[in-house]
Amino acid sequence: MKASIGRSGLFIGGAAALITAIGAPVASAQRAPAERVMIPTLQSADKNLGVQAAEAIRSRLERSTNVRELVVVPKADINNSLQSSGYNTTEALAPGDAKALATLVRAAQYLDGSVTRTSTGGYKIDARLILSRDMNRGQVLPTAEGARLDDAANKIANAIKDARRQIPAEEACHNNSSQGKYQEAIAAGRAELTRNPGANLVGVCLAQAYARAKMDDSAIVVAERVRATDARNIAALRLLVELYQPRKDPRMFDVLASLAAADPTNIRQIQNVVETFAAAGQAQRGIPLMRDLLQNNPGDPQLLALAWLVYLNAKDLQGAIPIGLELVRVDTSAATADYYTRLAGAYSGLNQSQQAAEAAARGAAKFPNDPNLQLFDASAKLKAGQFQQAADAARRVVAANPKLENGYLILAQALGQLNQPEAFAQVLQDANRNGVNKSILAQLALQQGNTMFKAAQASKERADFQRAIRFLAMSDSLEASADAKFLVGASAFSVGQSATIEANERKSCELARTAQAAFTLAQLNLPAGGQKFPNEAAQLLNAIPQFTPAVENEIKRFCR
């Protein structure tokens, strides 16, 4: 995947170049006793404005602080370091590059901010003070506006001084927590927050100390307090996710959304957020994030692969398909058996049976030994109405794996549609012998028998009723049911009625005995079938005695 790109357009990977290009700051070979703060070029649509705003803040901060207490890294030091590393001195740095530069010039903190012109012709600066040891720990500063750039810069300079008052307490909290002295860290953090409730650098440290001391409820309270005043505080947001996730706290989802929005240039962080959404069954919330990532990073195969899964998990099949097609266009190795199975499934879910069949067929041709794909190919062909092709594909599946239940089911349904009852019956027998669920087989046989029963009612042909009885009886033998018994009884009655009439006409002993056997079969099954169809069963049972004398008489006359 492409490296993350900051708002300046510089690769974060360039941070290493900043650190190694020169061995020491240009400005001085001697470490100053006071802490140093760096004000790099601010982000702005007008790059000259970003440079001017940074210089204005540096100037106001230098004038209002004692050099023995704070050193503002000179513009010359910053520019010399950037030029030595091949960076443009007038462009704002990406987050990782800014951290690297601050480390190089020995600044304990640095400013990250943006400057814009207001609708009234003034200036607006949004910024935060970042700790150089951890680019995710920052204090958001109050938005500064002014009619002149110097006015806004002066407000930011004062805000930096105010924010830095918490640094000693933050360092005490951090050092104690790092050494496992959590109670000491907590004491330092609480004391500072009592004095300055808006000290979010200390607040984050305190929340983390509480978490390390297994005081999760207190950690959540403090971290949420930080989040309430700084929705982009990545350290607090990450801690809240860690605390909420094992609790399955629904507040985690809003925190995750805030975490993704906190740094839209951090692709890895957004990927982690999206994956967490998906793992928690909230894949739908990851779609807007993936949409933005794809728009900003077109053709990135890793992002496409992630988006493909996110859209599928979110059941956004309409959106998933073009992403999947683009994925295999830019990365042919992504066209795996699983990919084709998912693609065919997406088409099927949209009731696009023909496209599903085509996708499954392509996958099956490419991966002939993949049983799941071969099975999906057969299923897709069945749904697309390609019954002979579905039967052929299903036969290959069960030949390769005689224990694959769905293979038999697809084969049976295809043969039913092809009106091949003998082959259908054989498949059910083979499936039963190989341990396929009897209830499912019974339902298939019942469906086939019911279809044949309806056809026989239309044709009035005795042979059609007899074929129906075969499958209905098979269904009942696999799993007894009132439906099957009633249909067996109703079919048998029709056979008996037809055979009785024809036996008399043809003076046939065989037909007379057929009628007798059919009425006996009807009398055996209709009572149980009456549990579901009481009126119909009763009518047929009452009608049978009307035929019994005639059948007995035919047997006496014709069976000598």
Foldseek 3Di string as FASTA:
>chain_A
DDAFAAPLRDGLVLLVLLPPLDPAFPPDPDDQQAAEEEQAFADEPDLVVSRVLSVLLLVLLVVPDDVNHYHYPDLVRLVVSQVSSPHDRSTDDGLSNVLSSCVRHRHQKYKYWHKDADPVRWIKIWIWIAGSVDSLQTQTFPIFIDRYSSRSSNSVSVRVVVLCVCVVLLVQLVVCVVVVNLVSSLVSLVVVCVVPVRNVSSLLSNLVSCVVVVVNVVSLVSLVSNCVVPLLNLSSLVVVLVSCVVVVNPVNLVSLVSPCVSGVSPPVSLLVSCVVCLVSLNLVVSQVSLVVVCVVPPLDLVSLVSNLVSCVSVVVLVVNQVSLVSNCVSPVVVPALVSLLSNLVSCVVVVVLVVSLVSLVVSCVVPVPDLVSLLSNLVSCVSVVVLVVSLVSLVVSCVVPVLPQSSLVSNLSSCLVVVPLVVNVVSLVSNVVNPHQLLVSLVSLLVSLVVLLVVCVVVLDLVSLVSSLVSLVVSCVSPNDLSSLQSLLVSLLSLLVVLLVVCVVVLDLVSLVSNVVSNVSNVVRLVSNCVPVVVVSVVSVVCSVVSVVSSVVSNVRRVD
